[in-house]
Amino acid sequence: MRSILNLSFGSAVFNLLVIISFTALLAGQVLFLDWRPLTRDSFFYSLSIGVFIYLSWDGVVQHYEAAILLALYIVYVLVMKFNKHLMGCLGSCQQSCRQGKVIPAEDLLDEKTPPPPT
């Protein structure tokens, strides 16, 4: 039981640290990340890891538990299908909450706009 959770947690840490680090390292340029897809993916990743740990706590995954995990994946696929609309909603939320103080990543790719100060 503990070995399953240790493997799951170890895989999650590997995915977060190593794969993302090598992606940034091998990009060959400065990557400007937009908060919206990062927030979306972090939410679903954390949710899936949490649900998996909860469902596998007893060491056995039943059919209905597997169906729950599959349903979560289907929800993620549906969210990705409507991603453009979701990103637009989050962008309008950003403008109303912060009154446009955050520069969107699309504007940073334009050569006329300087990158934000560090």
N, C-alpha and C. Protein backbone atom coordinates (compact mmCIF):
# COMPACT_ATOMS: atom_id res chain seq x y z
N MET A 1 0.83 -1.19 0.00
CA MET A 1 0.00 0.00 0.00
C MET A 1 0.87 1.26 0.00
N ARG A 2 1.81 1.31 0.94
CA ARG A 2 2.66 2.48 1.00
C ARG A 2 3.52 2.62 -0.25
N SER A 3 3.92 1.49 -0.84
CA SER A 3 4.76 1.57 -2.04
C SER A 3 3.99 2.19 -3.20
N ILE A 4 2.68 1.91 -3.31
CA ILE A 4 1.87 2.52 -4.38
C ILE A 4 1.81 4.03 -4.19
N LEU A 5 1.57 4.47 -2.96
CA LEU A 5 1.51 5.91 -2.70
C LEU A 5 2.87 6.57 -2.88
N ASN A 6 3.93 5.87 -2.45
CA ASN A 6 5.27 6.42 -2.64
C ASN A 6 5.61 6.56 -4.12
N LEU A 7 5.25 5.56 -4.91
CA LEU A 7 5.50 5.64 -6.36
C LEU A 7 4.70 6.77 -6.99
N SER A 8 3.45 6.90 -6.58
CA SER A 8 2.60 7.97 -7.13
C SER A 8 3.15 9.34 -6.77
N PHE A 9 3.53 9.50 -5.51
CA PHE A 9 4.07 10.78 -5.08
C PHE A 9 5.41 11.07 -5.75
N GLY A 10 6.25 10.05 -5.85
CA GLY A 10 7.54 10.22 -6.51
C GLY A 10 7.39 10.59 -7.97
N SER A 11 6.43 9.98 -8.64
CA SER A 11 6.17 10.31 -10.04
C SER A 11 5.66 11.74 -10.17
N ALA A 12 4.82 12.16 -9.25
CA ALA A 12 4.30 13.53 -9.28
C ALA A 12 5.42 14.54 -9.09
N VAL A 13 6.31 14.28 -8.15
CA VAL A 13 7.43 15.18 -7.91
C VAL A 13 8.35 15.21 -9.12
N PHE A 14 8.61 14.05 -9.72
CA PHE A 14 9.44 14.00 -10.92
C PHE A 14 8.82 14.82 -12.04
N ASN A 15 7.53 14.64 -12.27
CA ASN A 15 6.85 15.39 -13.33
C ASN A 15 6.92 16.89 -13.08
N LEU A 16 6.71 17.30 -11.85
CA LEU A 16 6.72 18.73 -11.55
C LEU A 16 8.11 19.34 -11.68
N LEU A 17 9.10 18.67 -11.15
CA LEU A 17 10.43 19.27 -11.08
C LEU A 17 11.28 19.02 -12.32
N VAL A 18 11.42 17.78 -12.72
CA VAL A 18 12.38 17.44 -13.76
C VAL A 18 11.84 17.78 -15.15
N ILE A 19 10.66 17.34 -15.47
CA ILE A 19 10.14 17.55 -16.83
C ILE A 19 9.95 19.04 -17.12
N ILE A 20 9.37 19.76 -16.18
CA ILE A 20 9.17 21.20 -16.40
C ILE A 20 10.52 21.92 -16.46
N SER A 21 11.47 21.51 -15.63
CA SER A 21 12.80 22.15 -15.65
C SER A 21 13.50 21.93 -16.98
N PHE A 22 13.47 20.70 -17.48
CA PHE A 22 14.13 20.42 -18.76
C PHE A 22 13.42 21.12 -19.92
N THR A 23 12.12 21.26 -19.83
CA THR A 23 11.39 21.99 -20.87
C THR A 23 11.88 23.44 -20.93
N ALA A 24 12.00 24.06 -19.78
CA ALA A 24 12.48 25.45 -19.75
C ALA A 24 13.95 25.53 -20.15
N LEU A 25 14.74 24.57 -19.73
CA LEU A 25 16.17 24.57 -20.05
C LEU A 25 16.42 24.40 -21.54
N LEU A 26 15.68 23.51 -22.18
CA LEU A 26 15.91 23.21 -23.59
C LEU A 26 15.15 24.14 -24.54
N ALA A 27 14.38 25.06 -24.02
CA ALA A 27 13.62 25.97 -24.88
C ALA A 27 14.54 26.91 -25.65
N GLY A 28 15.67 27.25 -25.08
CA GLY A 28 16.61 28.12 -25.77
C GLY A 28 16.23 29.58 -25.76
N GLN A 29 15.22 29.94 -25.01
CA GLN A 29 14.79 31.32 -24.91
C GLN A 29 14.06 31.50 -23.59
N VAL A 30 13.83 32.75 -23.23
CA VAL A 30 13.08 33.03 -22.02
C VAL A 30 11.62 32.71 -22.28
N LEU A 31 11.02 31.95 -21.39
CA LEU A 31 9.62 31.59 -21.53
C LEU A 31 8.77 32.48 -20.63
N PHE A 32 7.80 33.14 -21.22
CA PHE A 32 6.85 33.94 -20.46
C PHE A 32 5.59 33.10 -20.30
N LEU A 33 5.29 32.75 -19.06
CA LEU A 33 4.14 31.91 -18.79
C LEU A 33 2.92 32.75 -18.44
N ASP A 34 1.81 32.38 -19.02
CA ASP A 34 0.54 33.01 -18.67
C ASP A 34 -0.04 32.27 -17.48
N TRP A 35 -0.62 32.97 -16.54
CA TRP A 35 -1.11 32.35 -15.32
C TRP A 35 -2.34 31.48 -15.55
N ARG A 36 -3.09 31.74 -16.61
CA ARG A 36 -4.36 31.03 -16.80
C ARG A 36 -4.17 29.54 -17.10
N PRO A 37 -3.40 29.14 -18.11
CA PRO A 37 -3.22 27.70 -18.32
C PRO A 37 -2.44 27.04 -17.19
N LEU A 38 -1.51 27.78 -16.58
CA LEU A 38 -0.76 27.23 -15.47
C LEU A 38 -1.68 26.93 -14.29
N THR A 39 -2.62 27.82 -14.01
CA THR A 39 -3.58 27.61 -12.93
C THR A 39 -4.51 26.46 -13.26
N ARG A 40 -4.99 26.41 -14.49
CA ARG A 40 -5.90 25.32 -14.91
C ARG A 40 -5.22 23.96 -14.77
N ASP A 41 -4.02 23.84 -15.29
CA ASP A 41 -3.33 22.55 -15.24
C ASP A 41 -2.91 22.17 -13.83
N SER A 42 -2.49 23.14 -13.03
CA SER A 42 -2.12 22.86 -11.65
C SER A 42 -3.32 22.38 -10.84
N PHE A 43 -4.48 23.00 -11.09
CA PHE A 43 -5.70 22.59 -10.39
C PHE A 43 -6.05 21.15 -10.73
N PHE A 44 -6.10 20.82 -12.01
CA PHE A 44 -6.48 19.46 -12.39
C PHE A 44 -5.42 18.43 -11.98
N TYR A 45 -4.15 18.81 -12.03
CA TYR A 45 -3.10 17.89 -11.62
C TYR A 45 -3.21 17.59 -10.13
N SER A 46 -3.37 18.63 -9.32
CA SER A 46 -3.51 18.44 -7.88
C SER A 46 -4.76 17.64 -7.54
N LEU A 47 -5.85 17.94 -8.23
CA LEU A 47 -7.10 17.21 -8.00
C LEU A 47 -6.94 15.74 -8.34
N SER A 48 -6.31 15.44 -9.46
CA SER A 48 -6.16 14.04 -9.86
C SER A 48 -5.25 13.27 -8.90
N ILE A 49 -4.16 13.88 -8.46
CA ILE A 49 -3.27 13.22 -7.51
C ILE A 49 -3.99 13.01 -6.18
N GLY A 50 -4.71 14.01 -5.71
CA GLY A 50 -5.45 13.88 -4.45
C GLY A 50 -6.52 12.81 -4.50
N VAL A 51 -7.29 12.78 -5.59
CA VAL A 51 -8.34 11.76 -5.73
C VAL A 51 -7.72 10.38 -5.85
N PHE A 52 -6.63 10.26 -6.59
CA PHE A 52 -5.97 8.96 -6.72
C PHE A 52 -5.47 8.45 -5.37
N ILE A 53 -4.84 9.32 -4.60
CA ILE A 53 -4.35 8.89 -3.28
C ILE A 53 -5.52 8.49 -2.39
N TYR A 54 -6.59 9.26 -2.41
CA TYR A 54 -7.76 8.93 -1.60
C TYR A 54 -8.36 7.59 -2.00
N LEU A 55 -8.49 7.36 -3.31
CA LEU A 55 -9.12 6.12 -3.78
C LEU A 55 -8.22 4.91 -3.61
N SER A 56 -6.93 5.10 -3.62
CA SER A 56 -6.03 3.95 -3.49
C SER A 56 -5.51 3.77 -2.08
N TRP A 57 -6.06 4.48 -1.13
CA TRP A 57 -5.58 4.42 0.25
C TRP A 57 -5.67 3.02 0.84
N ASP A 58 -6.72 2.27 0.47
CA ASP A 58 -6.89 0.92 1.01
C ASP A 58 -6.08 -0.12 0.24
N GLY A 59 -5.38 0.27 -0.80
CA GLY A 59 -4.54 -0.64 -1.55
C GLY A 59 -5.23 -1.36 -2.68
N VAL A 60 -6.53 -1.13 -2.85
CA VAL A 60 -7.31 -1.79 -3.90
C VAL A 60 -8.12 -0.73 -4.62
N VAL A 61 -8.09 -0.76 -5.95
CA VAL A 61 -8.90 0.15 -6.75
C VAL A 61 -10.06 -0.65 -7.33
N GLN A 62 -11.25 -0.33 -6.88
CA GLN A 62 -12.46 -1.00 -7.36
C GLN A 62 -12.87 -0.43 -8.72
N HIS A 63 -13.83 -1.10 -9.36
CA HIS A 63 -14.30 -0.65 -10.67
C HIS A 63 -14.92 0.74 -10.60
N TYR A 64 -15.71 1.01 -9.58
CA TYR A 64 -16.34 2.32 -9.48
C TYR A 64 -15.30 3.41 -9.21
N GLU A 65 -14.23 3.07 -8.51
CA GLU A 65 -13.16 4.05 -8.28
C GLU A 65 -12.42 4.36 -9.57
N ALA A 66 -12.20 3.34 -10.37
CA ALA A 66 -11.59 3.56 -11.68
C ALA A 66 -12.49 4.41 -12.56
N ALA A 67 -13.80 4.20 -12.44
CA ALA A 67 -14.76 5.01 -13.21
C ALA A 67 -14.71 6.47 -12.76
N ILE A 68 -14.50 6.70 -11.48
CA ILE A 68 -14.38 8.08 -10.98
C ILE A 68 -13.15 8.76 -11.60
N LEU A 69 -12.02 8.03 -11.63
CA LEU A 69 -10.81 8.59 -12.24
C LEU A 69 -11.01 8.86 -13.72
N LEU A 70 -11.68 7.94 -14.40
CA LEU A 70 -11.97 8.14 -15.83
C LEU A 70 -12.88 9.34 -16.04
N ALA A 71 -13.87 9.50 -15.15
CA ALA A 71 -14.78 10.65 -15.25
C ALA A 71 -14.02 11.96 -15.06
N LEU A 72 -13.06 11.98 -14.14
CA LEU A 72 -12.25 13.19 -13.97
C LEU A 72 -11.45 13.51 -15.22
N TYR A 73 -10.95 12.48 -15.89
CA TYR A 73 -10.21 12.70 -17.14
C TYR A 73 -11.14 13.25 -18.22
N ILE A 74 -12.36 12.72 -18.28
CA ILE A 74 -13.33 13.21 -19.27
C ILE A 74 -13.68 14.67 -18.99
N VAL A 75 -13.80 15.03 -17.71
CA VAL A 75 -14.06 16.44 -17.36
C VAL A 75 -12.90 17.31 -17.84
N TYR A 76 -11.67 16.84 -17.67
CA TYR A 76 -10.51 17.61 -18.13
C TYR A 76 -10.53 17.76 -19.65
N VAL A 77 -10.86 16.70 -20.37
CA VAL A 77 -10.94 16.78 -21.83
C VAL A 77 -12.01 17.79 -22.25
N LEU A 78 -13.15 17.80 -21.56
CA LEU A 78 -14.21 18.76 -21.87
C LEU A 78 -13.76 20.19 -21.58
N VAL A 79 -13.04 20.37 -20.49
CA VAL A 79 -12.52 21.70 -20.18
C VAL A 79 -11.55 22.15 -21.28
N MET A 80 -10.73 21.23 -21.77
CA MET A 80 -9.80 21.58 -22.84
C MET A 80 -10.53 21.87 -24.15
N LYS A 81 -11.67 21.21 -24.37
CA LYS A 81 -12.45 21.49 -25.58
C LYS A 81 -12.96 22.93 -25.56
N PHE A 82 -13.35 23.41 -24.40
CA PHE A 82 -13.85 24.77 -24.26
C PHE A 82 -12.78 25.70 -23.66
N ASN A 83 -11.52 25.37 -23.90
CA ASN A 83 -10.41 26.11 -23.31
C ASN A 83 -10.40 27.58 -23.73
N LYS A 84 -10.66 27.85 -24.98
CA LYS A 84 -10.60 29.23 -25.46
C LYS A 84 -11.62 30.10 -24.71
N HIS A 85 -12.81 29.56 -24.51
CA HIS A 85 -13.85 30.30 -23.78
C HIS A 85 -13.44 30.47 -22.31
N LEU A 86 -12.89 29.42 -21.70
CA LEU A 86 -12.45 29.49 -20.31
C LEU A 86 -11.34 30.52 -20.14
N MET A 87 -10.38 30.53 -21.05
CA MET A 87 -9.28 31.49 -20.94
C MET A 87 -9.80 32.92 -21.11
N GLY A 88 -10.80 33.09 -21.96
CA GLY A 88 -11.41 34.42 -22.11
C GLY A 88 -12.11 34.87 -20.84
N CYS A 89 -12.81 33.94 -20.20
CA CYS A 89 -13.49 34.27 -18.93
C CYS A 89 -12.49 34.61 -17.85
N LEU A 90 -11.40 33.84 -17.77
CA LEU A 90 -10.38 34.13 -16.77
C LEU A 90 -9.67 35.44 -17.07
N GLY A 91 -9.51 35.76 -18.36
CA GLY A 91 -8.90 37.03 -18.73
C GLY A 91 -9.76 38.22 -18.33
N SER A 92 -11.08 38.10 -18.51
CA SER A 92 -11.96 39.18 -18.09
C SER A 92 -12.01 39.28 -16.57
N CYS A 93 -11.90 38.16 -15.89
CA CYS A 93 -11.82 38.17 -14.42
C CYS A 93 -10.55 38.89 -13.99
N GLN A 94 -9.46 38.64 -14.69
CA GLN A 94 -8.19 39.29 -14.38
C GLN A 94 -8.33 40.79 -14.53
N GLN A 95 -8.96 41.24 -15.58
CA GLN A 95 -9.09 42.67 -15.81
C GLN A 95 -9.97 43.33 -14.77
N SER A 96 -11.03 42.64 -14.35
CA SER A 96 -11.90 43.25 -13.35
C SER A 96 -11.30 43.20 -11.96
N CYS A 97 -10.52 42.16 -11.66
CA CYS A 97 -9.93 42.03 -10.33
C CYS A 97 -8.69 42.90 -10.16
N ARG A 98 -7.84 42.94 -11.17
CA ARG A 98 -6.57 43.66 -11.05
C ARG A 98 -6.52 44.91 -11.90
N GLN A 99 -7.58 45.20 -12.57
CA GLN A 99 -7.69 46.39 -13.40
C GLN A 99 -6.57 46.46 -14.43
N GLY A 100 -6.21 45.29 -14.99
CA GLY A 100 -5.27 45.25 -16.10
C GLY A 100 -3.82 45.49 -15.74
N LYS A 101 -3.41 45.30 -14.51
CA LYS A 101 -2.03 45.55 -14.12
C LYS A 101 -1.08 44.43 -14.56
N VAL A 102 -1.61 43.27 -14.86
CA VAL A 102 -0.79 42.15 -15.29
C VAL A 102 -0.75 42.13 -16.81
N ILE A 103 0.44 42.02 -17.39
CA ILE A 103 0.59 42.00 -18.83
C ILE A 103 0.36 40.57 -19.33
N PRO A 104 -0.63 40.36 -20.23
CA PRO A 104 -0.85 39.02 -20.76
C PRO A 104 0.35 38.52 -21.57
N ALA A 105 0.53 37.22 -21.61
CA ALA A 105 1.67 36.63 -22.31
C ALA A 105 1.65 36.95 -23.79
N GLU A 106 0.46 37.08 -24.38
CA GLU A 106 0.38 37.39 -25.81
C GLU A 106 1.02 38.74 -26.10
N ASP A 107 0.86 39.70 -25.18
CA ASP A 107 1.44 41.02 -25.38
C ASP A 107 2.95 41.01 -25.22
N LEU A 108 3.46 40.08 -24.42
CA LEU A 108 4.90 40.00 -24.22
C LEU A 108 5.62 39.48 -25.45
N LEU A 109 4.92 38.73 -26.28
CA LEU A 109 5.54 38.21 -27.49
C LEU A 109 5.68 39.28 -28.56
N ASP A 110 4.92 40.35 -28.44
CA ASP A 110 5.01 41.46 -29.36
C ASP A 110 6.31 42.23 -29.06
N GLU A 111 7.10 42.50 -30.10
CA GLU A 111 8.39 43.15 -29.91
C GLU A 111 8.26 44.58 -29.39
N LYS A 112 7.11 45.21 -29.58
CA LYS A 112 6.94 46.59 -29.16
C LYS A 112 6.77 46.71 -27.64
N THR A 113 6.30 45.65 -27.01
CA THR A 113 6.06 45.70 -25.58
C THR A 113 7.27 45.15 -24.84
N PRO A 114 7.89 45.93 -23.96
CA PRO A 114 9.05 45.40 -23.22
C PRO A 114 8.59 44.40 -22.17
N PRO A 115 9.45 43.46 -21.80
CA PRO A 115 9.09 42.51 -20.75
C PRO A 115 8.92 43.23 -19.42
N PRO A 116 8.15 42.65 -18.51
CA PRO A 116 7.93 43.31 -17.22
C PRO A 116 9.23 43.36 -16.42
N PRO A 117 9.37 44.38 -15.55
CA PRO A 117 10.60 44.49 -14.74
C PRO A 117 10.65 43.36 -13.72
N THR A 118 11.86 42.94 -13.41
CA THR A 118 12.02 41.86 -12.43
C THR A 118 12.35 42.40 -11.07
